Amino acid sequence: MTTRLVQLRTTNGARAVAATRNGTTHFIRGATSLYSLAREAIEAKISLDALVTRRGVAAELIDLAQLLAGNQVLAPIDHPDSAHVWLTGTGLTHLGSADARDRMHAKAHSADASDSLKMFRLGLEGGKVHGAGPGVQPEWFYKGDGSALVAPEAPLVSPSFASDGGEEPELAGIYVIGADGTPFRLGFALANEFSDHVMERQNYLYLAHSKLRPAAIGPELLLGHLPADIRGVTRIRRKGTAIWEGTFLTGEDNMSHYVRNLEHHHFKYPMFRRPGDVHVHFFGTATLSFSDGIQAQDGDVFEIEAAPFGLPLRNPLRTTPSAAVRIESL
């Protein structure tokens, strides 16, 4: 049985958590946040799925699509203090189409390979190591804290100093750190790891700047193991009409790294194992509208969907003026 969890606000503004099982969605009794549920499951030494069963669900059926349309669905994870949420990710982790894979693999072994292609080659050769030891470390980046986390249907805000605001359809792993420093994976969610691709292409050393943008996850958190082969659709709608659509492939069959390897190379750093913290870690993608020459405009809506994750993740693009920063000396 597949279980998906969603955080939302009820019609009276109260927070709640609901579970979807066997095609129906119900409120989990007494649950107001996924973070609290995760802490309870960790202390009880049981899975989130088992905790949902233990708590039970209300009899009332929930129309999740209606709540999503009414902007009542929250990001599937948050923390009472957003400074205790880490948004991070790994890139160059996906194989893409067979043709693209062959071209990248061949060029990566040439004498004039770029640093990106060399990193891609390292993943191809050492990202999936069988046995006890870890594989090669991937590219890694930081996106922000919990203040950069955007709910489904909410705008992805691009600062006016940005060169571009483009989607990255992928998956994110959601984690809570236990009292003893153990990372616990709650599950996986659809994600739009929104980035500035024009800035990044100017110079690879601008990658860090290009990633300091908001990101959206949800609507639902998929519990349990990640399917090995996931095929989703990503599109951009302008005034209700799709101006671009692509297929994105993810899951370990379509990746050059095992998920456990990406997790290891993130959580090997002690600062990422601080008890009580939340981590949202993005696993990368091989599909971008930017690669097809598309540049999103204000009001465009990014839409990402994949069968195991229930409802689609949709977010409009909004550019906002950037305030001047005044630095004062003490």
C-alpha atoms as a PDB file:
ATOM      1  CA  MET A   1       0.000   0.000   0.000  1.00  0.00           C
ATOM      2  CA  THR A   2       1.364   3.404  -1.017  1.00  0.00           C
ATOM      3  CA  THR A   3       0.951   6.271   1.429  1.00  0.00           C
ATOM      4  CA  ARG A   4       1.292   9.963   0.649  1.00  0.00           C
ATOM      5  CA  LEU A   5       1.103  12.735   3.243  1.00  0.00           C
ATOM      6  CA  VAL A   6       0.108  16.363   2.761  1.00  0.00           C
ATOM      7  CA  GLN A   7       0.172  19.417   5.020  1.00  0.00           C
ATOM      8  CA  LEU A   8      -2.695  21.864   4.638  1.00  0.00           C
ATOM      9  CA  ARG A   9      -4.846  24.506   6.214  1.00  0.00           C
ATOM     10  CA  THR A  10      -8.508  23.778   6.817  1.00  0.00           C
ATOM     11  CA  THR A  11     -11.269  26.233   5.943  1.00  0.00           C
ATOM     12  CA  ASN A  12     -11.003  27.796   9.411  1.00  0.00           C
ATOM     13  CA  GLY A  13      -7.252  28.331   9.019  1.00  0.00           C
ATOM     14  CA  ALA A  14      -6.096  25.523  11.315  1.00  0.00           C
ATOM     15  CA  ARG A  15      -3.171  23.357  10.280  1.00  0.00           C
ATOM     16  CA  ALA A  16      -3.669  19.665   9.584  1.00  0.00           C
ATOM     17  CA  VAL A  17      -1.947  16.675   8.022  1.00  0.00           C
ATOM     18  CA  ALA A  18      -3.779  14.240   5.767  1.00  0.00           C
ATOM     19  CA  ALA A  19      -2.916  10.826   4.378  1.00  0.00           C
ATOM     20  CA  THR A  20      -3.813   9.373   0.988  1.00  0.00           C
ATOM     21  CA  ARG A  21      -4.141   5.599   0.884  1.00  0.00           C
ATOM     22  CA  ASN A  22      -5.945   3.430  -1.645  1.00  0.00           C
ATOM     23  CA  GLY A  23      -7.104   6.467  -3.571  1.00  0.00           C
ATOM     24  CA  THR A  24      -8.816   8.290  -0.692  1.00  0.00           C
ATOM     25  CA  THR A  25      -7.551  11.130   1.515  1.00  0.00           C
ATOM     26  CA  HIS A  26      -8.391  11.615   5.203  1.00  0.00           C
ATOM     27  CA  PHE A  27      -7.173  13.819   8.042  1.00  0.00           C
ATOM     28  CA  ILE A  28      -4.750  12.095  10.423  1.00  0.00           C
ATOM     29  CA  ARG A  29      -6.193  12.300  13.916  1.00  0.00           C
ATOM     30  CA  GLY A  30      -4.557  15.023  16.023  1.00  0.00           C
ATOM     31  CA  ALA A  31      -1.826  15.805  13.474  1.00  0.00           C
ATOM     32  CA  THR A  32      -0.957  19.438  12.784  1.00  0.00           C
ATOM     33  CA  SER A  33       2.520  19.171  11.243  1.00  0.00           C
ATOM     34  CA  LEU A  34       4.614  16.581   9.476  1.00  0.00           C
ATOM     35  CA  TYR A  35       7.632  17.700  11.471  1.00  0.00           C
ATOM     36  CA  SER A  36       5.882  16.803  14.738  1.00  0.00           C
ATOM     37  CA  LEU A  37       4.785  13.464  13.306  1.00  0.00           C
ATOM     38  CA  ALA A  38       8.350  12.717  12.246  1.00  0.00           C
ATOM     39  CA  ARG A  39       9.717  13.533  15.699  1.00  0.00           C
ATOM     40  CA  GLU A  40       7.056  11.310  17.252  1.00  0.00           C
ATOM     41  CA  ALA A  41       7.890   8.421  14.907  1.00  0.00           C
ATOM     42  CA  ILE A  42      11.611   8.773  15.619  1.00  0.00           C
ATOM     43  CA  GLU A  43      11.026   8.658  19.382  1.00  0.00           C
ATOM     44  CA  ALA A  44       8.676   5.689  19.031  1.00  0.00           C
ATOM     45  CA  LYS A  45      11.158   3.921  16.707  1.00  0.00           C
ATOM     46  CA  ILE A  46       8.479   3.209  14.117  1.00  0.00           C
ATOM     47  CA  SER A  47       7.943   4.312  10.532  1.00  0.00           C
ATOM     48  CA  LEU A  48       5.763   7.263   9.577  1.00  0.00           C
ATOM     49  CA  ASP A  49       3.442   4.820   7.830  1.00  0.00           C
ATOM     50  CA  ALA A  50       3.065   2.817  11.044  1.00  0.00           C
ATOM     51  CA  LEU A  51       2.469   6.006  13.025  1.00  0.00           C
ATOM     52  CA  VAL A  52      -0.353   7.020  10.687  1.00  0.00           C
ATOM     53  CA  THR A  53      -1.941   3.631  11.242  1.00  0.00           C
ATOM     54  CA  ARG A  54      -1.509   3.931  15.007  1.00  0.00           C
ATOM     55  CA  ARG A  55      -3.078   7.408  15.127  1.00  0.00           C
ATOM     56  CA  GLY A  56      -5.849   6.558  12.703  1.00  0.00           C
ATOM     57  CA  VAL A  57      -7.692   8.842  10.308  1.00  0.00           C
ATOM     58  CA  ALA A  58     -10.981  10.719  10.412  1.00  0.00           C
ATOM     59  CA  ALA A  59     -13.958   9.324   8.504  1.00  0.00           C
ATOM     60  CA  GLU A  60     -14.433  12.506   6.468  1.00  0.00           C
ATOM     61  CA  LEU A  61     -13.213  12.286   2.853  1.00  0.00           C
ATOM     62  CA  ILE A  62     -11.001  15.166   1.682  1.00  0.00           C
ATOM     63  CA  ASP A  63     -11.080  16.609  -1.836  1.00  0.00           C
ATOM     64  CA  LEU A  64      -7.360  17.313  -2.078  1.00  0.00           C
ATOM     65  CA  ALA A  65      -7.570  18.768  -5.587  1.00  0.00           C
ATOM     66  CA  GLN A  66     -10.112  21.306  -4.387  1.00  0.00           C
ATOM     67  CA  LEU A  67      -7.949  22.305  -1.429  1.00  0.00           C
ATOM     68  CA  LEU A  68      -4.949  22.655  -3.743  1.00  0.00           C
ATOM     69  CA  ALA A  69      -6.918  24.928  -6.076  1.00  0.00           C
ATOM     70  CA  GLY A  70      -7.921  26.997  -3.036  1.00  0.00           C
ATOM     71  CA  ASN A  71      -4.273  27.531  -1.995  1.00  0.00           C
ATOM     72  CA  GLN A  72      -4.832  25.590   1.220  1.00  0.00           C
ATOM     73  CA  VAL A  73      -2.014  23.072   0.645  1.00  0.00           C
ATOM     74  CA  LEU A  74       1.313  23.843   2.314  1.00  0.00           C
ATOM     75  CA  ALA A  75       4.771  22.565   1.483  1.00  0.00           C
ATOM     76  CA  PRO A  76       4.920  18.976   2.804  1.00  0.00           C
ATOM     77  CA  ILE A  77       7.567  19.882   5.401  1.00  0.00           C
ATOM     78  CA  ASP A  78       8.472  22.954   7.443  1.00  0.00           C
ATOM     79  CA  HIS A  79       9.959  23.819  10.833  1.00  0.00           C
ATOM     80  CA  PRO A  80       8.801  26.235  13.560  1.00  0.00           C
ATOM     81  CA  ASP A  81      12.088  28.119  12.951  1.00  0.00           C
ATOM     82  CA  SER A  82      12.922  28.394   9.241  1.00  0.00           C
ATOM     83  CA  ALA A  83      16.622  28.831  10.068  1.00  0.00           C
ATOM     84  CA  HIS A  84      16.626  25.128  10.969  1.00  0.00           C
ATOM     85  CA  VAL A  85      15.708  24.068   7.424  1.00  0.00           C
ATOM     86  CA  TRP A  86      18.490  23.383   4.919  1.00  0.00           C
ATOM     87  CA  LEU A  87      17.796  23.484   1.171  1.00  0.00           C
ATOM     88  CA  THR A  88      20.636  21.788  -0.698  1.00  0.00           C
ATOM     89  CA  GLY A  89      21.115  19.677  -3.788  1.00  0.00           C
ATOM     90  CA  THR A  90      23.311  17.678  -6.094  1.00  0.00           C
ATOM     91  CA  GLY A  91      23.737  18.159  -9.837  1.00  0.00           C
ATOM     92  CA  LEU A  92      25.009  16.166 -12.828  1.00  0.00           C
ATOM     93  CA  THR A  93      23.328  13.071 -11.380  1.00  0.00           C
ATOM     94  CA  HIS A  94      20.964  12.027 -14.203  1.00  0.00           C
ATOM     95  CA  LEU A  95      21.621  10.198 -17.436  1.00  0.00           C
ATOM     96  CA  GLY A  96      18.906  11.864 -19.521  1.00  0.00           C
ATOM     97  CA  SER A  97      17.957  10.339 -22.864  1.00  0.00           C
ATOM     98  CA  ALA A  98      20.048   7.573 -24.434  1.00  0.00           C
ATOM     99  CA  ASP A  99      21.339   9.915 -27.152  1.00  0.00           C
ATOM    100  CA  ALA A 100      22.318  12.625 -24.696  1.00  0.00           C
ATOM    101  CA  ARG A 101      23.961  10.041 -22.470  1.00  0.00           C
ATOM    102  CA  ASP A 102      26.043   8.672 -25.327  1.00  0.00           C
ATOM    103  CA  ARG A 103      27.142  12.140 -26.446  1.00  0.00           C
ATOM    104  CA  MET A 104      28.045  13.251 -22.929  1.00  0.00           C
ATOM    105  CA  HIS A 105      29.858  10.029 -22.154  1.00  0.00           C
ATOM    106  CA  ALA A 106      31.945  10.265 -25.336  1.00  0.00           C
ATOM    107  CA  LYS A 107      32.818  13.915 -24.829  1.00  0.00           C
ATOM    108  CA  ALA A 108      33.596  13.400 -21.172  1.00  0.00           C
ATOM    109  CA  HIS A 109      36.463  11.112 -22.192  1.00  0.00           C
ATOM    110  CA  SER A 110      37.919  13.609 -24.659  1.00  0.00           C
ATOM    111  CA  ALA A 111      40.914  15.785 -23.875  1.00  0.00           C
ATOM    112  CA  ASP A 112      38.923  19.027 -23.989  1.00  0.00           C
ATOM    113  CA  ALA A 113      36.123  17.968 -21.625  1.00  0.00           C
ATOM    114  CA  SER A 114      34.715  20.748 -19.458  1.00  0.00           C
ATOM    115  CA  ASP A 115      34.715  20.513 -15.674  1.00  0.00           C
ATOM    116  CA  SER A 116      30.980  19.752 -15.814  1.00  0.00           C
ATOM    117  CA  LEU A 117      31.501  16.848 -18.177  1.00  0.00           C
ATOM    118  CA  LYS A 118      34.408  15.569 -16.110  1.00  0.00           C
ATOM    119  CA  MET A 119      32.130  15.600 -13.071  1.00  0.00           C
ATOM    120  CA  PHE A 120      29.463  13.785 -15.066  1.00  0.00           C
ATOM    121  CA  ARG A 121      32.035  11.155 -16.061  1.00  0.00           C
ATOM    122  CA  LEU A 122      33.057  10.673 -12.433  1.00  0.00           C
ATOM    123  CA  GLY A 123      29.439   9.934 -11.592  1.00  0.00           C
ATOM    124  CA  LEU A 124      29.076   7.485 -14.472  1.00  0.00           C
ATOM    125  CA  GLU A 125      32.170   5.600 -13.358  1.00  0.00           C
ATOM    126  CA  GLY A 126      31.816   5.770  -9.583  1.00  0.00           C
ATOM    127  CA  GLY A 127      28.391   6.977  -8.522  1.00  0.00           C
ATOM    128  CA  LYS A 128      26.938   3.489  -8.164  1.00  0.00           C
ATOM    129  CA  VAL A 129      29.268   1.445  -6.010  1.00  0.00           C
ATOM    130  CA  HIS A 130      28.061  -1.901  -4.703  1.00  0.00           C
ATOM    131  CA  GLY A 131      29.118  -2.931  -1.232  1.00  0.00           C
ATOM    132  CA  ALA A 132      29.808  -1.083   1.991  1.00  0.00           C
ATOM    133  CA  GLY A 133      31.900   1.837   0.743  1.00  0.00           C
ATOM    134  CA  PRO A 134      30.565   5.119  -0.668  1.00  0.00           C
ATOM    135  CA  GLY A 135      30.866   6.078  -4.324  1.00  0.00           C
ATOM    136  CA  VAL A 136      32.384   9.227  -5.777  1.00  0.00           C
ATOM    137  CA  GLN A 137      31.100  12.514  -4.382  1.00  0.00           C
ATOM    138  CA  PRO A 138      28.780  14.532  -6.627  1.00  0.00           C
ATOM    139  CA  GLU A 139      28.522  18.214  -7.380  1.00  0.00           C
ATOM    140  CA  TRP A 140      26.835  19.894  -4.375  1.00  0.00           C
ATOM    141  CA  PHE A 141      25.117  23.241  -3.892  1.00  0.00           C
ATOM    142  CA  TYR A 142      23.272  25.304  -1.271  1.00  0.00           C
ATOM    143  CA  LYS A 143      19.937  26.998  -1.994  1.00  0.00           C
ATOM    144  CA  GLY A 144      18.898  28.591   1.259  1.00  0.00           C
ATOM    145  CA  ASP A 145      17.012  27.999   4.479  1.00  0.00           C
ATOM    146  CA  GLY A 146      13.321  27.419   5.100  1.00  0.00           C
ATOM    147  CA  SER A 147      12.440  30.991   4.121  1.00  0.00           C
ATOM    148  CA  ALA A 148      13.205  29.979   0.505  1.00  0.00           C
ATOM    149  CA  LEU A 149      10.752  27.056   0.567  1.00  0.00           C
ATOM    150  CA  VAL A 150       7.616  27.706  -1.503  1.00  0.00           C
ATOM    151  CA  ALA A 151       4.260  25.951  -1.205  1.00  0.00           C
ATOM    152  CA  PRO A 152       2.394  24.467  -4.185  1.00  0.00           C
ATOM    153  CA  GLU A 153       0.499  27.128  -6.201  1.00  0.00           C
ATOM    154  CA  ALA A 154       2.528  29.938  -4.555  1.00  0.00           C
ATOM    155  CA  PRO A 155       4.746  32.188  -6.703  1.00  0.00           C
ATOM    156  CA  LEU A 156       8.384  31.412  -7.347  1.00  0.00           C
ATOM    157  CA  VAL A 157       9.880  34.866  -6.945  1.00  0.00           C
ATOM    158  CA  SER A 158      12.825  35.905  -9.103  1.00  0.00           C
ATOM    159  CA  PRO A 159      14.787  38.989  -8.016  1.00  0.00           C
ATOM    160  CA  SER A 160      15.114  41.812 -10.528  1.00  0.00           C
ATOM    161  CA  PHE A 161      18.905  41.372 -10.591  1.00  0.00           C
ATOM    162  CA  ALA A 162      18.459  37.838 -11.956  1.00  0.00           C
ATOM    163  CA  SER A 163      19.292  37.028 -15.566  1.00  0.00           C
ATOM    164  CA  ASP A 164      16.654  34.297 -15.778  1.00  0.00           C
ATOM    165  CA  GLY A 165      14.173  32.306 -13.732  1.00  0.00           C
ATOM    166  CA  GLY A 166      13.771  28.738 -14.963  1.00  0.00           C
ATOM    167  CA  GLU A 167      12.349  25.467 -13.721  1.00  0.00           C
ATOM    168  CA  GLU A 168      14.242  22.324 -12.751  1.00  0.00           C
ATOM    169  CA  PRO A 169      11.819  19.397 -12.431  1.00  0.00           C
ATOM    170  CA  GLU A 170      13.181  16.826 -10.042  1.00  0.00           C
ATOM    171  CA  LEU A 171      12.707  14.967  -6.785  1.00  0.00           C
ATOM    172  CA  ALA A 172      13.649  16.032  -3.294  1.00  0.00           C
ATOM    173  CA  GLY A 173      14.400  13.859  -0.300  1.00  0.00           C
ATOM    174  CA  ILE A 174      12.954  15.114   3.006  1.00  0.00           C
ATOM    175  CA  TYR A 175      14.866  14.434   6.238  1.00  0.00           C
ATOM    176  CA  VAL A 176      14.684  15.150   9.961  1.00  0.00           C
ATOM    177  CA  ILE A 177      17.743  14.745  12.194  1.00  0.00           C
ATOM    178  CA  GLY A 178      17.168  12.650  15.302  1.00  0.00           C
ATOM    179  CA  ALA A 179      18.312  13.504  18.830  1.00  0.00           C
ATOM    180  CA  ASP A 180      21.473  11.427  18.399  1.00  0.00           C
ATOM    181  CA  GLY A 181      22.389  13.036  15.056  1.00  0.00           C
ATOM    182  CA  THR A 182      20.942  10.288  12.857  1.00  0.00           C
ATOM    183  CA  PRO A 183      19.350  11.533   9.609  1.00  0.00           C
ATOM    184  CA  PHE A 184      15.891  10.014   9.060  1.00  0.00           C
ATOM    185  CA  ARG A 185      14.446  10.095   5.563  1.00  0.00           C
ATOM    186  CA  LEU A 186      10.721  10.829   5.722  1.00  0.00           C
ATOM    187  CA  GLY A 187      10.117  10.312   2.000  1.00  0.00           C
ATOM    188  CA  PHE A 188      10.271  12.000  -1.378  1.00  0.00           C
ATOM    189  CA  ALA A 189       8.412  14.869  -3.031  1.00  0.00           C
ATOM    190  CA  LEU A 190       8.154  16.456  -6.451  1.00  0.00           C
ATOM    191  CA  ALA A 191      10.291  19.578  -6.624  1.00  0.00           C
ATOM    192  CA  ASN A 192      10.949  22.633  -8.742  1.00  0.00           C
ATOM    193  CA  GLU A 193      14.552  23.531  -7.991  1.00  0.00           C
ATOM    194  CA  PHE A 194      14.131  26.988  -9.537  1.00  0.00           C
ATOM    195  CA  SER A 195      17.435  28.462 -10.805  1.00  0.00           C
ATOM    196  CA  ASP A 196      19.033  31.201 -12.922  1.00  0.00           C
ATOM    197  CA  HIS A 197      20.379  29.283 -15.925  1.00  0.00           C
ATOM    198  CA  VAL A 198      21.507  32.336 -17.897  1.00  0.00           C
ATOM    199  CA  MET A 199      23.748  33.405 -15.024  1.00  0.00           C
ATOM    200  CA  GLU A 200      25.116  29.879 -14.618  1.00  0.00           C
ATOM    201  CA  ARG A 201      25.976  29.588 -18.311  1.00  0.00           C
ATOM    202  CA  GLN A 202      27.980  32.829 -18.220  1.00  0.00           C
ATOM    203  CA  ASN A 203      30.547  31.111 -16.039  1.00  0.00           C
ATOM    204  CA  TYR A 204      30.362  27.850 -14.122  1.00  0.00           C
ATOM    205  CA  LEU A 205      31.722  29.643 -11.050  1.00  0.00           C
ATOM    206  CA  TYR A 206      28.410  31.520 -10.951  1.00  0.00           C
ATOM    207  CA  LEU A 207      26.633  28.266 -10.109  1.00  0.00           C
ATOM    208  CA  ALA A 208      26.517  29.185  -6.416  1.00  0.00           C
ATOM    209  CA  HIS A 209      24.819  32.515  -7.207  1.00  0.00           C
ATOM    210  CA  SER A 210      22.394  30.921  -9.672  1.00  0.00           C
ATOM    211  CA  LYS A 211      21.101  28.498  -7.040  1.00  0.00           C
ATOM    212  CA  LEU A 212      20.263  31.127  -4.387  1.00  0.00           C
ATOM    213  CA  ARG A 213      16.628  31.216  -5.417  1.00  0.00           C
ATOM    214  CA  PRO A 214      13.401  29.868  -3.896  1.00  0.00           C
ATOM    215  CA  ALA A 215      12.297  26.291  -4.535  1.00  0.00           C
ATOM    216  CA  ALA A 216       8.910  24.585  -4.447  1.00  0.00           C
ATOM    217  CA  ILE A 217       8.123  21.065  -3.240  1.00  0.00           C
ATOM    218  CA  GLY A 218       4.966  18.985  -2.995  1.00  0.00           C
ATOM    219  CA  PRO A 219       2.058  18.856  -2.902  1.00  0.00           C
ATOM    220  CA  GLU A 220       2.451  15.350  -1.415  1.00  0.00           C
ATOM    221  CA  LEU A 221       5.189  13.426   0.353  1.00  0.00           C
ATOM    222  CA  LEU A 222       5.622   9.847  -0.862  1.00  0.00           C
ATOM    223  CA  LEU A 223       6.544   7.489   1.975  1.00  0.00           C
ATOM    224  CA  GLY A 224       8.691   4.402   1.589  1.00  0.00           C
ATOM    225  CA  HIS A 225      11.141   3.449  -1.130  1.00  0.00           C
ATOM    226  CA  LEU A 226      11.636   5.477  -4.290  1.00  0.00           C
ATOM    227  CA  PRO A 227      10.550   3.656  -7.483  1.00  0.00           C
ATOM    228  CA  ALA A 228      13.587   2.876  -9.644  1.00  0.00           C
ATOM    229  CA  ASP A 229      12.080   4.244 -12.865  1.00  0.00           C
ATOM    230  CA  ILE A 230       9.947   7.393 -12.687  1.00  0.00           C
ATOM    231  CA  ARG A 231       8.705   9.162 -15.806  1.00  0.00           C
ATOM    232  CA  GLY A 232       7.156  12.561 -15.326  1.00  0.00           C
ATOM    233  CA  VAL A 233       6.005  15.493 -17.410  1.00  0.00           C
ATOM    234  CA  THR A 234       7.041  19.110 -17.006  1.00  0.00           C
ATOM    235  CA  ARG A 235       5.471  22.032 -18.846  1.00  0.00           C
ATOM    236  CA  ILE A 236       5.198  25.806 -18.895  1.00  0.00           C
ATOM    237  CA  ARG A 237       1.786  27.399 -19.331  1.00  0.00           C
ATOM    238  CA  ARG A 238       1.398  30.964 -20.570  1.00  0.00           C
ATOM    239  CA  LYS A 239      -2.088  32.425 -20.196  1.00  0.00           C
ATOM    240  CA  GLY A 240      -3.442  28.889 -19.825  1.00  0.00           C
ATOM    241  CA  THR A 241      -1.741  27.451 -22.927  1.00  0.00           C
ATOM    242  CA  ALA A 242       1.250  25.107 -22.758  1.00  0.00           C
ATOM    243  CA  ILE A 243       4.150  26.774 -24.595  1.00  0.00           C
ATOM    244  CA  TRP A 244       6.621  23.995 -23.783  1.00  0.00           C
ATOM    245  CA  GLU A 245       6.428  20.429 -22.515  1.00  0.00           C
ATOM    246  CA  GLY A 246       9.041  17.796 -21.807  1.00  0.00           C
ATOM    247  CA  THR A 247       9.459  14.384 -20.210  1.00  0.00           C
ATOM    248  CA  PHE A 248      11.782  14.023 -17.257  1.00  0.00           C
ATOM    249  CA  LEU A 249      13.190  10.703 -16.116  1.00  0.00           C
ATOM    250  CA  THR A 250      14.324  10.066 -12.576  1.00  0.00           C
ATOM    251  CA  GLY A 251      14.717   7.234 -10.095  1.00  0.00           C
ATOM    252  CA  GLU A 252      17.946   5.269  -9.823  1.00  0.00           C
ATOM    253  CA  ASP A 253      17.496   3.511 -13.190  1.00  0.00           C
ATOM    254  CA  ASN A 254      17.903   6.933 -14.778  1.00  0.00           C
ATOM    255  CA  MET A 255      20.640   8.249 -12.500  1.00  0.00           C
ATOM    256  CA  SER A 256      24.413   7.936 -12.415  1.00  0.00           C
ATOM    257  CA  HIS A 257      24.404   7.845  -8.595  1.00  0.00           C
ATOM    258  CA  TYR A 258      22.582   5.782  -6.034  1.00  0.00           C
ATOM    259  CA  VAL A 259      20.417   7.929  -3.784  1.00  0.00           C
ATOM    260  CA  ARG A 260      22.257   6.535  -0.770  1.00  0.00           C
ATOM    261  CA  ASN A 261      25.520   7.834  -2.254  1.00  0.00           C
ATOM    262  CA  LEU A 262      24.118  11.348  -2.666  1.00  0.00           C
ATOM    263  CA  GLU A 263      22.790  11.182   0.880  1.00  0.00           C
ATOM    264  CA  HIS A 264      26.126   9.972   2.259  1.00  0.00           C
ATOM    265  CA  HIS A 265      28.092  12.822   0.724  1.00  0.00           C
ATOM    266  CA  HIS A 266      25.679  15.369   2.159  1.00  0.00           C
ATOM    267  CA  PHE A 267      25.265  14.006   5.655  1.00  0.00           C
ATOM    268  CA  LYS A 268      28.939  13.085   6.104  1.00  0.00           C
ATOM    269  CA  TYR A 269      29.434  16.671   7.298  1.00  0.00           C
ATOM    270  CA  PRO A 270      28.666  16.988  11.036  1.00  0.00           C
ATOM    271  CA  MET A 271      26.973  20.387  10.645  1.00  0.00           C
ATOM    272  CA  PHE A 272      24.270  18.648   8.587  1.00  0.00           C
ATOM    273  CA  ARG A 273      23.507  16.249  11.439  1.00  0.00           C
ATOM    274  CA  ARG A 274      22.362  18.819  14.007  1.00  0.00           C
ATOM    275  CA  PRO A 275      19.507  17.314  16.045  1.00  0.00           C
ATOM    276  CA  GLY A 276      16.074  18.634  15.146  1.00  0.00           C
ATOM    277  CA  ASP A 277      17.038  20.168  11.797  1.00  0.00           C
ATOM    278  CA  VAL A 278      15.081  19.586   8.595  1.00  0.00           C
ATOM    279  CA  HIS A 279      16.811  18.923   5.269  1.00  0.00           C
ATOM    280  CA  VAL A 280      15.295  19.195   1.800  1.00  0.00           C
ATOM    281  CA  HIS A 281      17.807  17.760  -0.653  1.00  0.00           C
ATOM    282  CA  PHE A 282      17.266  18.036  -4.417  1.00  0.00           C
ATOM    283  CA  PHE A 283      18.514  15.133  -6.532  1.00  0.00           C
ATOM    284  CA  GLY A 284      18.941  16.812  -9.924  1.00  0.00           C
ATOM    285  CA  THR A 285      17.410  16.595 -13.383  1.00  0.00           C
ATOM    286  CA  ALA A 286      18.291  16.185 -17.061  1.00  0.00           C
ATOM    287  CA  THR A 287      15.329  18.142 -18.493  1.00  0.00           C
ATOM    288  CA  LEU A 288      15.194  21.931 -18.761  1.00  0.00           C
ATOM    289  CA  SER A 289      13.087  24.215 -20.938  1.00  0.00           C
ATOM    290  CA  PHE A 290      16.117  26.525 -21.000  1.00  0.00           C
ATOM    291  CA  SER A 291      17.981  23.896 -23.051  1.00  0.00           C
ATOM    292  CA  ASP A 292      15.294  24.318 -25.726  1.00  0.00           C
ATOM    293  CA  GLY A 293      15.691  28.092 -25.829  1.00  0.00           C
ATOM    294  CA  ILE A 294      12.677  28.884 -23.632  1.00  0.00           C
ATOM    295  CA  GLN A 295      12.797  31.872 -21.287  1.00  0.00           C
ATOM    296  CA  ALA A 296       9.919  32.050 -18.835  1.00  0.00           C
ATOM    297  CA  GLN A 297       8.031  35.318 -18.336  1.00  0.00           C
ATOM    298  CA  ASP A 298       6.159  36.838 -15.427  1.00  0.00           C
ATOM    299  CA  GLY A 299       2.851  35.020 -14.970  1.00  0.00           C
ATOM    300  CA  ASP A 300       3.989  31.801 -16.641  1.00  0.00           C
ATOM    301  CA  VAL A 301       3.075  28.718 -14.623  1.00  0.00           C
ATOM    302  CA  PHE A 302       5.520  25.847 -14.123  1.00  0.00           C
ATOM    303  CA  GLU A 303       3.793  22.462 -13.844  1.00  0.00           C
ATOM    304  CA  ILE A 304       5.462  19.193 -12.829  1.00  0.00           C
ATOM    305  CA  GLU A 305       3.760  15.831 -12.434  1.00  0.00           C
ATOM    306  CA  ALA A 306       4.704  12.177 -12.064  1.00  0.00           C
ATOM    307  CA  ALA A 307       2.397   9.272 -11.322  1.00  0.00           C
ATOM    308  CA  PRO A 308       3.724   8.100  -7.921  1.00  0.00           C
ATOM    309  CA  PHE A 309       3.332  11.568  -6.397  1.00  0.00           C
ATOM    310  CA  GLY A 310      -0.361  12.293  -6.801  1.00  0.00           C
ATOM    311  CA  LEU A 311      -1.267  15.869  -7.668  1.00  0.00           C
ATOM    312  CA  PRO A 312       0.959  18.093  -9.842  1.00  0.00           C
ATOM    313  CA  LEU A 313       3.259  20.763  -8.471  1.00  0.00           C
ATOM    314  CA  ARG A 314       2.317  24.131  -9.983  1.00  0.00           C
ATOM    315  CA  ASN A 315       3.886  27.538  -9.342  1.00  0.00           C
ATOM    316  CA  PRO A 316       3.666  30.844 -11.224  1.00  0.00           C
ATOM    317  CA  LEU A 317       6.765  32.950 -11.919  1.00  0.00           C
ATOM    318  CA  ARG A 318       6.885  36.428 -10.406  1.00  0.00           C
ATOM    319  CA  THR A 319       9.727  38.942 -10.703  1.00  0.00           C
ATOM    320  CA  THR A 320      10.097  41.344  -7.803  1.00  0.00           C
ATOM    321  CA  PRO A 321      12.199  44.519  -7.458  1.00  0.00           C
ATOM    322  CA  SER A 322      15.422  44.030  -5.524  1.00  0.00           C
ATOM    323  CA  ALA A 323      15.933  46.461  -2.683  1.00  0.00           C
ATOM    324  CA  ALA A 324      19.233  48.273  -2.406  1.00  0.00           C
ATOM    325  CA  VAL A 325      21.418  46.843   0.353  1.00  0.00           C
ATOM    326  CA  ARG A 326      22.980  49.384   2.693  1.00  0.00           C
ATOM    327  CA  ILE A 327      26.032  48.282   4.625  1.00  0.00           C
ATOM    328  CA  GLU A 328      26.833  50.290   7.739  1.00  0.00           C
ATOM    329  CA  SER A 329      30.024  50.338   9.755  1.00  0.00           C
ATOM    330  CA  LEU A 330      29.986  49.975  13.524  1.00  0.00           C
END
